[in-house]
Amino acid sequence: YACYAIGKDVQAMKAVVGEEALTPDDLLYLEFLSKFEKNFISQGSYENRTVFESLDIGWQLLRIFPKEMLKRIPASTLAEFYPRDSRH
């Protein structure tokens, strides 16, 4: 949720300074924010997603960022889940 919170901050900053003034990292956070809201939060009322499917979506979204930017996730967890594909 840290990435989401940063994305919301960047979205507010974009409204003030414009997208051209944002850094490449800021743009990653905006992409994450958009896809998180569309693909993760906006689960349809008839969509019956399992916890594992939700985790797969979460990892797909986190892969927007280079591994080096995901500093809050333990290295062992990143090593196990970051390279995975949800089609395992």
N, C-alpha and C. Protein backbone atom coordinates (compact mmCIF):
# COMPACT_ATOMS: atom_id res chain seq x y z
N TYR A 1 0.81 -1.20 0.00
CA TYR A 1 0.00 0.00 0.00
C TYR A 1 0.84 1.26 0.00
N ALA A 2 2.12 1.12 0.29
CA ALA A 2 3.01 2.28 0.23
C ALA A 2 3.09 2.81 -1.20
N CYS A 3 3.17 1.91 -2.17
CA CYS A 3 3.23 2.33 -3.58
C CYS A 3 1.94 3.05 -3.98
N TYR A 4 0.82 2.60 -3.45
CA TYR A 4 -0.46 3.25 -3.75
C TYR A 4 -0.48 4.65 -3.14
N ALA A 5 -0.03 4.78 -1.89
CA ALA A 5 -0.03 6.09 -1.23
C ALA A 5 0.90 7.06 -1.96
N ILE A 6 2.06 6.58 -2.36
CA ILE A 6 2.97 7.44 -3.12
C ILE A 6 2.34 7.83 -4.45
N GLY A 7 1.67 6.88 -5.09
CA GLY A 7 0.98 7.17 -6.35
C GLY A 7 -0.07 8.26 -6.19
N LYS A 8 -0.81 8.22 -5.08
CA LYS A 8 -1.81 9.26 -4.83
C LYS A 8 -1.13 10.62 -4.64
N ASP A 9 0.01 10.63 -3.94
CA ASP A 9 0.76 11.88 -3.77
C ASP A 9 1.25 12.42 -5.12
N VAL A 10 1.75 11.53 -5.96
CA VAL A 10 2.23 11.94 -7.28
C VAL A 10 1.08 12.46 -8.13
N GLN A 11 -0.07 11.82 -8.02
CA GLN A 11 -1.26 12.27 -8.76
C GLN A 11 -1.62 13.70 -8.36
N ALA A 12 -1.56 13.99 -7.06
CA ALA A 12 -1.86 15.35 -6.59
C ALA A 12 -0.80 16.33 -7.09
N MET A 13 0.46 15.90 -7.06
CA MET A 13 1.54 16.76 -7.54
C MET A 13 1.39 17.03 -9.03
N LYS A 14 0.98 16.02 -9.79
CA LYS A 14 0.77 16.18 -11.23
C LYS A 14 -0.27 17.26 -11.51
N ALA A 15 -1.30 17.33 -10.67
CA ALA A 15 -2.35 18.33 -10.86
C ALA A 15 -1.80 19.75 -10.70
N VAL A 16 -0.73 19.89 -9.92
CA VAL A 16 -0.15 21.21 -9.67
C VAL A 16 0.93 21.55 -10.69
N VAL A 17 1.85 20.60 -10.93
CA VAL A 17 3.02 20.92 -11.76
C VAL A 17 2.93 20.40 -13.19
N GLY A 18 1.99 19.51 -13.46
CA GLY A 18 1.87 18.92 -14.79
C GLY A 18 2.72 17.67 -14.94
N GLU A 19 2.31 16.82 -15.87
CA GLU A 19 2.99 15.53 -16.05
C GLU A 19 4.42 15.70 -16.55
N GLU A 20 4.67 16.76 -17.33
CA GLU A 20 6.02 16.95 -17.87
C GLU A 20 7.06 17.17 -16.78
N ALA A 21 6.64 17.65 -15.62
CA ALA A 21 7.57 17.93 -14.53
C ALA A 21 7.85 16.70 -13.66
N LEU A 22 7.18 15.59 -13.93
CA LEU A 22 7.35 14.40 -13.11
C LEU A 22 8.60 13.62 -13.53
N THR A 23 9.18 12.93 -12.56
CA THR A 23 10.36 12.10 -12.82
C THR A 23 9.92 10.75 -13.40
N PRO A 24 10.85 10.00 -13.97
CA PRO A 24 10.50 8.65 -14.43
C PRO A 24 9.93 7.77 -13.31
N ASP A 25 10.47 7.90 -12.10
CA ASP A 25 9.92 7.13 -10.97
C ASP A 25 8.49 7.56 -10.67
N ASP A 26 8.23 8.87 -10.72
CA ASP A 26 6.87 9.37 -10.50
C ASP A 26 5.90 8.75 -11.50
N LEU A 27 6.33 8.64 -12.75
CA LEU A 27 5.47 8.06 -13.79
C LEU A 27 5.18 6.59 -13.52
N LEU A 28 6.15 5.87 -12.96
CA LEU A 28 5.91 4.48 -12.57
C LEU A 28 4.83 4.40 -11.49
N TYR A 29 4.92 5.31 -10.52
CA TYR A 29 3.91 5.32 -9.45
C TYR A 29 2.53 5.65 -10.00
N LEU A 30 2.46 6.55 -10.97
CA LEU A 30 1.16 6.86 -11.59
C LEU A 30 0.61 5.66 -12.34
N GLU A 31 1.48 4.95 -13.05
CA GLU A 31 1.04 3.74 -13.76
C GLU A 31 0.54 2.70 -12.76
N PHE A 32 1.28 2.52 -11.66
CA PHE A 32 0.87 1.58 -10.63
C PHE A 32 -0.49 1.97 -10.07
N LEU A 33 -0.65 3.25 -9.73
CA LEU A 33 -1.90 3.74 -9.17
C LEU A 33 -3.08 3.43 -10.08
N SER A 34 -2.94 3.74 -11.34
CA SER A 34 -4.01 3.51 -12.30
C SER A 34 -4.36 2.03 -12.41
N LYS A 35 -3.35 1.20 -12.56
CA LYS A 35 -3.59 -0.24 -12.72
C LYS A 35 -4.07 -0.88 -11.42
N PHE A 36 -3.59 -0.39 -10.27
CA PHE A 36 -4.03 -0.92 -8.98
C PHE A 36 -5.53 -0.66 -8.80
N GLU A 37 -5.95 0.57 -9.10
CA GLU A 37 -7.37 0.90 -8.96
C GLU A 37 -8.22 0.13 -9.96
N LYS A 38 -7.73 -0.04 -11.17
CA LYS A 38 -8.50 -0.72 -12.22
C LYS A 38 -8.53 -2.23 -12.03
N ASN A 39 -7.39 -2.83 -11.72
CA ASN A 39 -7.28 -4.29 -11.72
C ASN A 39 -7.39 -4.94 -10.35
N PHE A 40 -7.10 -4.20 -9.29
CA PHE A 40 -7.09 -4.81 -7.97
C PHE A 40 -8.28 -4.36 -7.13
N ILE A 41 -8.43 -3.07 -6.99
CA ILE A 41 -9.51 -2.53 -6.15
C ILE A 41 -10.87 -2.73 -6.78
N SER A 42 -10.97 -2.52 -8.06
CA SER A 42 -12.27 -2.56 -8.75
C SER A 42 -12.69 -3.97 -9.12
N GLN A 43 -12.66 -4.85 -8.14
CA GLN A 43 -13.14 -6.21 -8.37
C GLN A 43 -14.64 -6.15 -8.58
N GLY A 44 -15.12 -6.74 -9.65
CA GLY A 44 -16.54 -6.73 -9.94
C GLY A 44 -17.35 -7.45 -8.87
N SER A 45 -18.59 -7.06 -8.72
CA SER A 45 -19.43 -7.67 -7.68
C SER A 45 -19.69 -9.14 -7.94
N TYR A 46 -19.54 -9.59 -9.18
CA TYR A 46 -19.74 -11.00 -9.51
C TYR A 46 -18.41 -11.74 -9.71
N GLU A 47 -17.32 -11.04 -9.51
CA GLU A 47 -16.00 -11.66 -9.63
C GLU A 47 -15.67 -12.36 -8.32
N ASN A 48 -15.41 -13.63 -8.39
CA ASN A 48 -15.11 -14.41 -7.19
C ASN A 48 -13.63 -14.78 -7.23
N ARG A 49 -12.80 -13.84 -6.80
CA ARG A 49 -11.36 -14.00 -6.87
C ARG A 49 -10.85 -14.65 -5.59
N THR A 50 -9.94 -15.62 -5.74
CA THR A 50 -9.35 -16.25 -4.56
C THR A 50 -8.24 -15.35 -4.01
N VAL A 51 -7.81 -15.64 -2.81
CA VAL A 51 -6.70 -14.91 -2.21
C VAL A 51 -5.45 -15.06 -3.09
N PHE A 52 -5.24 -16.25 -3.62
CA PHE A 52 -4.07 -16.50 -4.46
C PHE A 52 -4.13 -15.70 -5.75
N GLU A 53 -5.31 -15.58 -6.33
CA GLU A 53 -5.47 -14.75 -7.53
C GLU A 53 -5.20 -13.28 -7.21
N SER A 54 -5.67 -12.84 -6.05
CA SER A 54 -5.40 -11.46 -5.63
C SER A 54 -3.91 -11.23 -5.43
N LEU A 55 -3.23 -12.20 -4.83
CA LEU A 55 -1.78 -12.08 -4.64
C LEU A 55 -1.06 -12.04 -5.99
N ASP A 56 -1.49 -12.86 -6.93
CA ASP A 56 -0.89 -12.84 -8.27
C ASP A 56 -1.06 -11.48 -8.93
N ILE A 57 -2.24 -10.90 -8.80
CA ILE A 57 -2.48 -9.57 -9.37
C ILE A 57 -1.58 -8.55 -8.68
N GLY A 58 -1.47 -8.65 -7.36
CA GLY A 58 -0.60 -7.74 -6.62
C GLY A 58 0.84 -7.80 -7.10
N TRP A 59 1.35 -9.01 -7.30
CA TRP A 59 2.73 -9.16 -7.79
C TRP A 59 2.86 -8.65 -9.22
N GLN A 60 1.88 -8.90 -10.05
CA GLN A 60 1.93 -8.36 -11.43
C GLN A 60 2.06 -6.84 -11.38
N LEU A 61 1.31 -6.22 -10.49
CA LEU A 61 1.36 -4.77 -10.37
C LEU A 61 2.70 -4.29 -9.83
N LEU A 62 3.24 -5.00 -8.84
CA LEU A 62 4.53 -4.59 -8.28
C LEU A 62 5.66 -4.73 -9.30
N ARG A 63 5.50 -5.61 -10.27
CA ARG A 63 6.53 -5.78 -11.30
C ARG A 63 6.63 -4.56 -12.23
N ILE A 64 5.72 -3.61 -12.09
CA ILE A 64 5.85 -2.34 -12.81
C ILE A 64 7.16 -1.66 -12.40
N PHE A 65 7.54 -1.85 -11.15
CA PHE A 65 8.73 -1.22 -10.59
C PHE A 65 9.95 -2.12 -10.76
N PRO A 66 11.12 -1.53 -10.98
CA PRO A 66 12.34 -2.34 -10.91
C PRO A 66 12.46 -2.90 -9.49
N LYS A 67 13.01 -4.07 -9.39
CA LYS A 67 13.14 -4.74 -8.10
C LYS A 67 13.82 -3.83 -7.06
N GLU A 68 14.77 -3.04 -7.49
CA GLU A 68 15.53 -2.17 -6.59
C GLU A 68 14.66 -1.12 -5.91
N MET A 69 13.52 -0.79 -6.49
CA MET A 69 12.63 0.22 -5.89
C MET A 69 11.73 -0.38 -4.80
N LEU A 70 11.65 -1.68 -4.72
CA LEU A 70 10.75 -2.33 -3.76
C LEU A 70 11.50 -2.63 -2.47
N LYS A 71 11.92 -1.59 -1.79
CA LYS A 71 12.79 -1.70 -0.62
C LYS A 71 12.07 -2.20 0.63
N ARG A 72 10.78 -2.12 0.68
CA ARG A 72 10.04 -2.55 1.87
C ARG A 72 9.75 -4.05 1.88
N ILE A 73 10.06 -4.71 0.78
CA ILE A 73 9.81 -6.15 0.67
C ILE A 73 11.12 -6.88 0.93
N PRO A 74 11.13 -7.84 1.86
CA PRO A 74 12.36 -8.57 2.15
C PRO A 74 12.95 -9.21 0.89
N ALA A 75 14.27 -9.23 0.83
CA ALA A 75 14.97 -9.77 -0.35
C ALA A 75 14.56 -11.21 -0.63
N SER A 76 14.35 -12.00 0.41
CA SER A 76 13.96 -13.41 0.20
C SER A 76 12.58 -13.51 -0.45
N THR A 77 11.68 -12.62 -0.08
CA THR A 77 10.34 -12.62 -0.68
C THR A 77 10.42 -12.17 -2.13
N LEU A 78 11.20 -11.13 -2.39
CA LEU A 78 11.38 -10.68 -3.77
C LEU A 78 12.00 -11.78 -4.62
N ALA A 79 12.99 -12.47 -4.08
CA ALA A 79 13.66 -13.54 -4.84
C ALA A 79 12.68 -14.64 -5.21
N GLU A 80 11.73 -14.91 -4.33
CA GLU A 80 10.78 -15.99 -4.58
C GLU A 80 9.64 -15.58 -5.51
N PHE A 81 9.10 -14.38 -5.33
CA PHE A 81 7.87 -14.02 -6.03
C PHE A 81 8.01 -13.01 -7.16
N TYR A 82 9.00 -12.13 -7.11
CA TYR A 82 9.12 -11.09 -8.14
C TYR A 82 9.31 -11.67 -9.54
N PRO A 83 10.18 -12.69 -9.71
CA PRO A 83 10.39 -13.21 -11.07
C PRO A 83 9.28 -14.11 -11.58
N ARG A 84 8.37 -14.51 -10.73
CA ARG A 84 7.33 -15.47 -11.14
C ARG A 84 6.36 -14.88 -12.13
N ASP A 85 5.78 -15.76 -12.88
CA ASP A 85 4.71 -15.43 -13.82
C ASP A 85 3.44 -16.03 -13.25
N SER A 86 2.33 -15.35 -13.37
CA SER A 86 1.08 -15.85 -12.78
C SER A 86 0.55 -17.09 -13.49
N ARG A 87 1.18 -17.50 -14.58
CA ARG A 87 0.72 -18.68 -15.31
C ARG A 87 1.46 -19.93 -14.86
N HIS A 88 1.86 -20.02 -13.58
CA HIS A 88 2.62 -21.17 -13.09
C HIS A 88 1.80 -22.41 -12.97
